[in-house]
């Protein structure tokens, strides 16, 4: 009798596991990218979590044969979804009613009951709306950069996620303009369900860099802000721009003094965060390709972002001539001293990078003459070489003049 009961229980469990695989394949057939998360949980089981989401049936089947009891998660960005996540335990239902009174009714669309008793309301993705946690009490927005756990997954409480209004063949409804204006008026929060309540990737990476002594005298909060700005300002705005913008990310990070001497691979987590946010535009491009492009581009950065040589040369022309430059009769040599002073001011206590070819282009002279001027500045101890340049790295100098 016990053996029969155990066999029946095993068959029931297998049927439940197959149900989740079937659901994952059905979502994929709709164009919704899925990935496995922990049984009775929300933590991704794959290495890159949301970034691994796919509609490939072979990959999905392989995942659920490896983790047959895994819950099913849908990545909002690649699925072109916007989901209003209502948390019943945080009075989200009351907040939603108040928002409906203020912004107008929501169109009918697929709606799921979550294992926690709340709801997920599915809509078509909207331009300029990303994942936003806590946009109102008990209300989260799951969009680009986020994901939802979907039926028939099991909540930590043991309750099942289920469809109140299941998806059908109809197109997903769009949010009314009044709702979209409200969402776009709120500051974006780049937090996903996988890191909710934890440090952001940027914060963790920066803390690791600062803790490692790369910037022992730097202002930690300022560096975090600078990294965040580097990520945000270099994101692609459309398809076909990934390669160029990865290089712009490298230029932006090179401009942050504590990161200038870092190895490219040490910045992997920052690049990963950039890739995650860029996914709505780069689609299915794997993270590894982005990391390869970043590692190849990092040593090729000669002029960090925001430090164009044209502007530096112009500042050097306007500034009073350094006294140590007065010994030179050649105008390019005198100007080069001023340029090096400006580069050192921008670098602070750190050394600055300058190659012969960049100096030549900036001063409108040939690179051999630029090399001779730089050599002479070394002899007069106006410049000190910190690290001699190579084929892929510019020479690093310190300015010692007045």
Protein backbone atom coordinates (compact mmCIF):
# COMPACT_ATOMS: atom_id res chain seq x y z
CA UNK A 1 0.00 0.00 0.00
CA UNK A 2 2.80 2.45 0.93
CA UNK A 3 4.59 1.59 -2.31
CA UNK A 4 1.45 2.37 -4.28
CA UNK A 5 1.00 5.69 -2.48
CA UNK A 6 4.65 6.62 -3.09
CA UNK A 7 4.34 5.74 -6.79
CA UNK A 8 1.20 7.86 -7.05
CA UNK A 9 2.89 10.78 -5.32
CA UNK A 10 5.89 10.48 -7.67
CA UNK A 11 3.62 10.44 -10.70
CA UNK A 12 1.78 13.52 -9.42
CA UNK A 13 5.08 15.35 -8.91
CA UNK A 14 6.27 14.39 -12.40
CA UNK A 15 3.00 15.60 -13.89
CA UNK A 16 3.38 18.92 -12.06
CA UNK A 17 6.96 19.27 -13.33
CA UNK A 18 5.84 18.53 -16.90
CA UNK A 19 3.12 21.13 -16.47
CA UNK A 20 5.75 23.80 -15.86
CA UNK A 21 7.75 22.69 -18.89
CA UNK A 22 4.58 22.76 -21.00
CA UNK A 23 3.78 26.24 -19.72
CA UNK A 24 7.31 27.46 -20.47
CA UNK A 25 7.05 26.12 -24.04
CA UNK A 26 3.63 27.71 -24.50
CA UNK A 27 4.94 31.10 -23.37
CA UNK A 28 7.91 30.73 -25.73
CA UNK A 29 5.52 29.96 -28.60
CA UNK A 30 3.86 33.32 -27.88
CA UNK A 31 7.24 35.04 -28.20
CA UNK A 32 7.73 35.40 -24.44
CA UNK A 33 11.32 34.64 -23.43
CA UNK A 34 11.53 32.35 -20.40
CA UNK A 35 14.16 30.99 -18.03
CA UNK A 36 14.09 28.77 -14.90
CA UNK A 37 14.09 30.12 -11.35
CA UNK A 38 14.38 28.27 -8.08
CA UNK A 39 11.54 26.00 -6.99
CA UNK A 40 9.26 27.91 -4.59
CA UNK A 41 11.42 30.95 -5.18
CA UNK A 42 12.44 33.67 -7.65
CA UNK A 43 16.22 33.27 -7.80
CA UNK A 44 17.53 32.45 -11.32
CA UNK A 45 19.05 29.02 -11.83
CA UNK A 46 21.08 29.99 -14.89
CA UNK A 47 24.32 31.94 -14.62
CA UNK A 48 23.03 35.18 -16.15
CA UNK A 49 19.43 34.86 -15.06
CA UNK A 50 17.17 37.21 -16.96
CA UNK A 51 19.82 37.69 -19.64
CA UNK A 52 19.64 33.97 -20.48
CA UNK A 53 15.90 34.08 -21.25
CA UNK A 54 15.01 32.46 -24.58
CA UNK A 55 12.18 31.25 -26.79
CA UNK A 56 14.26 28.33 -28.09
CA UNK A 57 12.29 25.12 -27.33
CA UNK A 58 15.44 22.96 -27.24
CA UNK A 59 17.13 25.15 -24.65
CA UNK A 60 13.94 25.38 -22.59
CA UNK A 61 13.44 21.60 -22.63
CA UNK A 62 17.06 21.08 -21.61
CA UNK A 63 16.66 23.47 -18.69
CA UNK A 64 13.53 21.80 -17.32
CA UNK A 65 14.98 18.34 -17.74
CA UNK A 66 17.91 19.53 -15.64
CA UNK A 67 15.68 21.33 -13.12
CA UNK A 68 12.27 19.63 -13.48
CA UNK A 69 10.75 21.42 -10.47
CA UNK A 70 11.94 24.89 -11.45
CA UNK A 71 9.51 27.77 -11.47
CA UNK A 72 8.90 29.56 -14.77
CA UNK A 73 10.05 33.17 -15.17
CA UNK A 74 9.30 35.47 -18.11
CA UNK A 75 11.83 38.19 -19.01
CA UNK A 76 9.86 41.35 -19.73
CA UNK A 77 12.35 43.14 -22.00
CA UNK A 78 12.87 40.58 -24.79
CA UNK A 79 9.20 39.54 -24.48
CA UNK A 80 8.07 43.14 -25.14
CA UNK A 81 6.03 43.10 -21.93
CA UNK A 82 5.10 45.66 -19.32
CA UNK A 83 3.67 44.07 -16.18
CA UNK A 84 2.05 45.89 -13.28
CA UNK A 85 2.98 43.89 -10.18
CA UNK A 86 0.53 44.41 -7.32
CA UNK A 87 1.72 43.26 -3.88
CA UNK A 88 -1.27 42.51 -1.67
CA UNK A 89 0.85 42.46 1.49
CA UNK A 90 1.91 46.09 0.92
CA UNK A 91 -1.58 47.41 0.25
CA UNK A 92 -0.91 47.35 -3.47
CA UNK A 93 -4.58 46.69 -4.24
CA UNK A 94 -5.61 49.92 -2.48
CA UNK A 95 -2.87 51.82 -4.30
CA UNK A 96 -4.01 50.41 -7.63
CA UNK A 97 -7.61 51.47 -6.96
CA UNK A 98 -6.41 54.99 -6.11
CA UNK A 99 -4.33 55.15 -9.30
CA UNK A 100 -7.29 54.00 -11.39
CA UNK A 101 -9.42 56.75 -9.83
CA UNK A 102 -6.70 59.27 -10.71
CA UNK A 103 -5.42 58.02 -14.08
CA UNK A 104 -8.40 56.18 -15.47
CA UNK A 105 -9.29 52.50 -15.93
CA UNK A 106 -6.88 49.88 -17.18
CA UNK A 107 -7.79 47.87 -20.29
CA UNK A 108 -8.54 44.20 -19.85
CA UNK A 109 -5.60 41.92 -20.55
CA UNK A 110 -3.90 38.79 -19.23
CA UNK A 111 -3.92 38.83 -15.43
CA UNK A 112 -2.31 36.32 -13.08
CA UNK A 113 -2.85 35.71 -9.39
CA UNK A 114 0.53 35.53 -7.69
CA UNK A 115 1.40 32.99 -5.03
CA UNK A 116 1.53 35.84 -2.52
CA UNK A 117 -2.08 36.80 -3.24
CA UNK A 118 -1.30 39.82 -5.41
CA UNK A 119 -1.61 40.10 -9.16
CA UNK A 120 0.36 40.57 -12.37
CA UNK A 121 -1.35 42.58 -15.12
CA UNK A 122 0.22 42.12 -18.53
CA UNK A 123 0.44 44.90 -21.14
CA UNK A 124 2.44 45.65 -24.28
CA UNK A 125 5.85 47.21 -23.67
CA UNK A 126 6.03 50.99 -23.97
CA UNK A 127 8.93 53.09 -25.23
CA UNK A 128 10.90 54.71 -22.42
CA UNK A 129 9.41 52.60 -19.61
CA UNK A 130 11.81 50.33 -17.73
CA UNK A 131 11.66 48.15 -14.65
CA UNK A 132 10.71 50.29 -11.63
CA UNK A 133 10.59 48.92 -8.11
CA UNK A 134 8.32 50.63 -5.59
CA UNK A 135 6.97 53.20 -8.04
CA UNK A 136 4.02 53.47 -5.65
CA UNK A 137 3.21 51.67 -2.35
CA UNK A 138 2.82 47.99 -3.18
CA UNK A 139 3.25 48.58 -6.93
CA UNK A 140 6.24 47.54 -9.07
CA UNK A 141 6.63 47.83 -12.83
CA UNK A 142 8.25 44.86 -14.56
CA UNK A 143 9.53 45.98 -17.93
CA UNK A 144 12.91 46.09 -19.68
CA UNK A 145 15.46 44.87 -17.14
CA UNK A 146 12.97 42.87 -15.05
CA UNK A 147 10.99 39.64 -15.00
CA UNK A 148 7.96 37.98 -13.47
CA UNK A 149 7.34 34.50 -12.09
CA UNK A 150 4.47 33.02 -14.10
CA UNK A 151 1.81 30.31 -13.66
CA UNK A 152 1.89 27.45 -12.81
CA UNK A 153 4.90 28.20 -10.57
CA UNK A 154 4.74 27.59 -6.82
CA UNK A 155 5.24 30.40 -4.30
CA UNK A 156 7.37 30.02 -1.16
CA UNK A 157 4.09 29.75 0.75
CA UNK A 158 3.14 26.68 -1.27
CA UNK A 159 0.40 28.53 -3.14
CA UNK A 160 0.29 28.34 -6.91
CA UNK A 161 0.50 31.18 -9.41
CA UNK A 162 -2.60 30.96 -11.60
CA UNK A 163 -4.30 32.82 -14.43
CA UNK A 164 -7.32 34.96 -13.60
CA UNK A 165 -7.54 36.00 -17.25
CA UNK A 166 -5.22 33.80 -19.33
CA UNK A 167 -3.51 35.11 -22.47
CA UNK A 168 -5.25 34.33 -25.75
CA UNK A 169 -4.65 35.05 -29.41
CA UNK A 170 -5.53 38.75 -29.01
CA UNK A 171 -2.72 41.34 -29.05
CA UNK A 172 -1.69 42.60 -25.64
CA UNK A 173 -3.39 45.86 -24.68
CA UNK A 174 -1.35 49.03 -24.35
CA UNK A 175 -1.44 51.23 -21.27
CA UNK A 176 -3.51 54.41 -21.68
CA UNK A 177 -1.58 57.62 -22.31
CA UNK A 178 -2.43 58.94 -18.84
CA UNK A 179 -0.71 55.93 -17.26
CA UNK A 180 2.31 56.20 -19.56
CA UNK A 181 2.76 59.88 -18.75
CA UNK A 182 2.69 59.04 -15.06
CA UNK A 183 5.23 56.22 -15.47
CA UNK A 184 7.59 58.34 -17.54
CA UNK A 185 7.43 61.14 -15.00
CA UNK A 186 8.91 58.88 -12.35
CA UNK A 187 12.70 58.45 -11.99
CA UNK A 188 13.85 55.10 -13.32
CA UNK A 189 15.19 52.53 -10.85
CA UNK A 190 17.47 50.00 -12.52
CA UNK A 191 16.75 47.19 -10.08
CA UNK A 192 15.64 43.73 -11.09
CA UNK A 193 13.85 41.10 -9.06
CA UNK A 194 17.07 39.13 -8.83
CA UNK A 195 18.89 41.92 -6.93
CA UNK A 196 16.00 43.53 -5.07
CA UNK A 197 17.01 44.49 -1.56
CA UNK A 198 20.68 44.05 -2.37
CA UNK A 199 23.41 46.38 -3.56
CA UNK A 200 23.22 47.20 -7.24
CA UNK A 201 25.87 45.68 -9.51
CA UNK A 202 27.48 49.10 -9.83
CA UNK A 203 27.71 49.51 -6.05
CA UNK A 204 29.11 46.02 -5.48
CA UNK A 205 31.71 46.41 -8.20
CA UNK A 206 32.75 49.86 -7.01
CA UNK A 207 33.02 48.70 -3.41
CA UNK A 208 35.23 45.83 -4.56
CA UNK A 209 37.44 48.21 -6.56
CA UNK A 210 37.76 50.71 -3.73
CA UNK A 211 38.30 47.96 -1.19
CA UNK A 212 41.07 46.55 -3.35
CA UNK A 213 43.10 49.73 -2.97
CA UNK A 214 42.77 50.99 -6.55
CA UNK A 215 41.36 54.23 -5.25
CA UNK A 216 42.20 54.29 -1.59
CA UNK A 217 41.92 58.06 -1.40
CA UNK A 218 38.90 58.43 -3.69
CA UNK A 219 35.41 59.50 -2.74
CA UNK A 220 33.44 56.24 -2.95
CA UNK A 221 30.04 57.83 -3.54
CA UNK A 222 31.47 60.07 -6.23
CA UNK A 223 33.03 57.11 -8.01
CA UNK A 224 29.73 55.21 -7.86
CA UNK A 225 27.94 58.18 -9.38
CA UNK A 226 30.59 58.43 -12.10
CA UNK A 227 30.26 54.73 -12.98
CA UNK A 228 26.48 55.01 -13.07
CA UNK A 229 26.73 58.01 -15.39
CA UNK A 230 29.23 56.14 -17.61
CA UNK A 231 26.77 53.26 -17.99
CA UNK A 232 23.72 55.44 -18.52
CA UNK A 233 25.30 57.85 -20.99
CA UNK A 234 26.71 55.17 -23.31
CA UNK A 235 23.69 52.89 -23.71
CA UNK A 236 22.71 52.31 -27.36
CA UNK A 237 19.58 54.04 -28.58
CA UNK A 238 18.86 51.59 -31.39
CA UNK A 239 20.04 48.41 -33.11
CA UNK A 240 23.45 48.27 -34.74
CA UNK A 241 25.12 50.55 -32.20
CA UNK A 242 26.37 47.99 -29.66
CA UNK A 243 29.99 47.77 -30.84
CA UNK A 244 30.44 51.56 -30.99
CA UNK A 245 28.79 52.15 -27.63
CA UNK A 246 30.86 49.46 -25.92
CA UNK A 247 33.93 51.43 -26.93
CA UNK A 248 32.29 54.61 -25.65
CA UNK A 249 31.73 52.81 -22.33
CA UNK A 250 35.45 52.03 -22.22
CA UNK A 251 36.25 55.71 -22.89
CA UNK A 252 33.83 56.81 -20.17
CA UNK A 253 35.29 54.42 -17.59
CA UNK A 254 38.86 55.40 -18.51
CA UNK A 255 37.94 58.96 -17.54
CA UNK A 256 37.32 57.81 -13.93
CA UNK A 257 40.73 58.10 -12.28
CA UNK A 258 40.55 55.00 -9.99
CA UNK A 259 39.60 52.82 -12.97
CA UNK A 260 42.15 54.13 -15.46
CA UNK A 261 44.76 51.49 -14.57
CA UNK A 262 42.31 48.64 -13.97
CA UNK A 263 42.45 45.52 -16.11
CA UNK A 264 39.51 45.27 -18.50
CA UNK A 265 38.43 41.89 -17.12
CA UNK A 266 38.29 43.37 -13.60
CA UNK A 267 35.44 45.59 -14.83
CA UNK A 268 33.35 42.63 -16.00
CA UNK A 269 30.48 43.31 -13.59
CA UNK A 270 30.16 46.91 -14.80
CA UNK A 271 30.14 45.70 -18.41
CA UNK A 272 27.54 43.07 -17.48
CA UNK A 273 25.32 45.77 -15.99
CA UNK A 274 25.71 47.86 -19.16
CA UNK A 275 24.83 44.82 -21.28
CA UNK A 276 21.73 44.10 -19.17
CA UNK A 277 20.39 47.60 -19.64
CA UNK A 278 21.28 47.59 -23.36
CA UNK A 279 19.37 44.36 -24.07
CA UNK A 280 16.16 46.07 -25.28
CA UNK A 281 18.19 47.42 -28.21
CA UNK A 282 20.84 44.75 -28.77
CA UNK A 283 18.26 41.95 -28.43
CA UNK A 284 19.87 38.52 -28.29
CA UNK A 285 23.54 39.49 -28.59
CA UNK A 286 25.32 37.33 -25.95
CA UNK A 287 27.11 38.99 -23.06
CA UNK A 288 30.36 37.24 -23.93
CA UNK A 289 30.56 39.15 -27.24
CA UNK A 290 30.08 42.46 -25.41
CA UNK A 291 32.81 41.53 -22.90
CA UNK A 292 35.19 40.53 -25.71
CA UNK A 293 34.62 43.85 -27.49
CA UNK A 294 35.15 45.75 -24.23
CA UNK A 295 38.40 43.91 -23.42
CA UNK A 296 39.69 44.57 -26.96
CA UNK A 297 38.67 48.22 -26.84
CA UNK A 298 39.93 49.04 -23.34
CA UNK A 299 43.67 49.26 -24.18
CA UNK A 300 42.88 51.16 -27.39
CA UNK A 301 41.38 54.13 -25.57
CA UNK A 302 43.75 57.02 -26.06
CA UNK A 303 41.43 59.90 -25.14
CA UNK A 304 38.94 59.22 -22.33
CA UNK A 305 35.40 60.45 -22.85
CA UNK A 306 34.83 64.12 -22.10
CA UNK A 307 38.48 64.96 -22.55
CA UNK A 308 38.71 65.79 -26.25
CA UNK A 309 42.12 67.03 -27.22
CA UNK A 310 40.62 69.92 -29.16
CA UNK A 311 39.14 71.32 -25.96
CA UNK A 312 42.35 70.67 -24.04
CA UNK A 313 44.49 72.42 -26.64
CA UNK A 314 42.08 75.37 -26.66
CA UNK A 315 42.31 75.69 -22.86
CA UNK A 316 46.11 75.53 -23.09
CA UNK A 317 46.11 78.34 -25.66
CA UNK A 318 43.95 80.57 -23.46
CA UNK A 319 45.84 79.88 -20.24
CA UNK A 320 48.98 81.81 -19.25
CA UNK A 321 52.11 80.19 -20.66
CA UNK A 322 53.91 77.99 -18.09
CA UNK A 323 57.23 79.54 -17.11
CA UNK A 324 59.08 76.38 -17.95
CA UNK A 325 57.82 76.71 -21.54
CA UNK A 326 59.45 80.09 -22.05
CA UNK A 327 62.80 78.43 -22.84
CA UNK A 328 61.41 77.05 -26.10
CA UNK A 329 61.37 79.10 -29.32
CA UNK A 330 59.04 76.72 -31.20
CA UNK A 331 55.35 77.51 -30.79
CA UNK A 332 54.32 73.81 -30.92
CA UNK A 333 56.82 72.98 -28.15
CA UNK A 334 55.54 75.83 -25.98
CA UNK A 335 51.94 74.77 -26.60
CA UNK A 336 52.77 71.13 -25.83
CA UNK A 337 53.95 72.14 -22.36
CA UNK A 338 50.63 73.88 -21.76
CA UNK A 339 48.70 70.86 -23.05
CA UNK A 340 50.59 68.54 -20.70
CA UNK A 341 49.81 70.87 -17.79
CA UNK A 342 46.10 70.72 -18.68
CA UNK A 343 46.20 66.92 -18.97
CA UNK A 344 47.81 66.67 -15.53
CA UNK A 345 45.21 68.98 -14.00
CA UNK A 346 42.47 66.75 -15.34
CA UNK A 347 44.18 63.57 -14.12
CA UNK A 348 44.65 64.96 -10.60
CA UNK A 349 47.28 62.95 -8.73
CA UNK A 350 47.21 60.18 -11.32
CA UNK A 351 49.48 60.11 -14.36
CA UNK A 352 48.01 61.01 -17.75
CA UNK A 353 48.18 59.25 -21.10
CA UNK A 354 49.63 60.83 -24.24
CA UNK A 355 50.90 59.23 -27.45
CA UNK A 356 53.10 60.86 -30.06
CA UNK A 357 50.41 60.54 -32.71
CA UNK A 358 47.73 62.16 -30.57
CA UNK A 359 50.13 64.98 -29.67
CA UNK A 360 51.04 65.41 -33.34
CA UNK A 361 47.42 65.54 -34.49
CA UNK A 362 46.53 68.00 -31.74
CA UNK A 363 49.42 70.36 -32.50
CA UNK A 364 49.17 69.93 -36.29
CA UNK A 365 52.74 68.64 -36.66
CA UNK A 366 54.14 65.29 -37.81
CA UNK A 367 54.51 62.54 -35.22
CA UNK A 368 58.32 62.46 -35.43
CA UNK A 369 58.49 66.14 -34.47
CA UNK A 370 55.97 65.48 -31.67
CA UNK A 371 58.19 62.64 -30.40
CA UNK A 372 61.23 64.98 -30.40
CA UNK A 373 59.34 67.63 -28.41
CA UNK A 374 58.18 65.06 -25.85
CA UNK A 375 61.72 63.70 -25.58
CA UNK A 376 63.03 67.21 -24.92
CA UNK A 377 60.39 67.80 -22.22
CA UNK A 378 61.66 64.65 -20.51
CA UNK A 379 65.26 65.90 -20.68
CA UNK A 380 64.26 69.21 -19.08
CA UNK A 381 62.35 67.23 -16.42
CA UNK A 382 59.12 68.96 -17.35
CA UNK A 383 57.69 65.48 -17.94
CA UNK A 384 58.47 62.23 -16.13
CA UNK A 385 57.66 58.91 -17.79
CA UNK A 386 55.64 56.62 -15.52
CA UNK A 387 55.22 53.84 -18.07
CA UNK A 388 56.63 53.83 -21.59
CA UNK A 389 54.03 53.26 -24.31
CA UNK A 390 53.59 50.14 -26.43
CA UNK A 391 51.79 49.43 -29.70
CA UNK A 392 48.48 49.31 -27.84
CA UNK A 393 49.11 51.66 -24.89
CA UNK A 394 50.00 55.36 -24.88
CA UNK A 395 52.87 56.52 -22.68
CA UNK A 396 51.89 57.59 -19.16
CA UNK A 397 53.45 60.84 -17.92
CA UNK A 398 53.53 63.10 -14.93
CA UNK A 399 53.85 66.82 -15.47
CA UNK A 400 56.56 68.29 -13.24
CA UNK A 401 56.57 71.85 -14.52
CA UNK A 402 55.26 74.96 -12.82
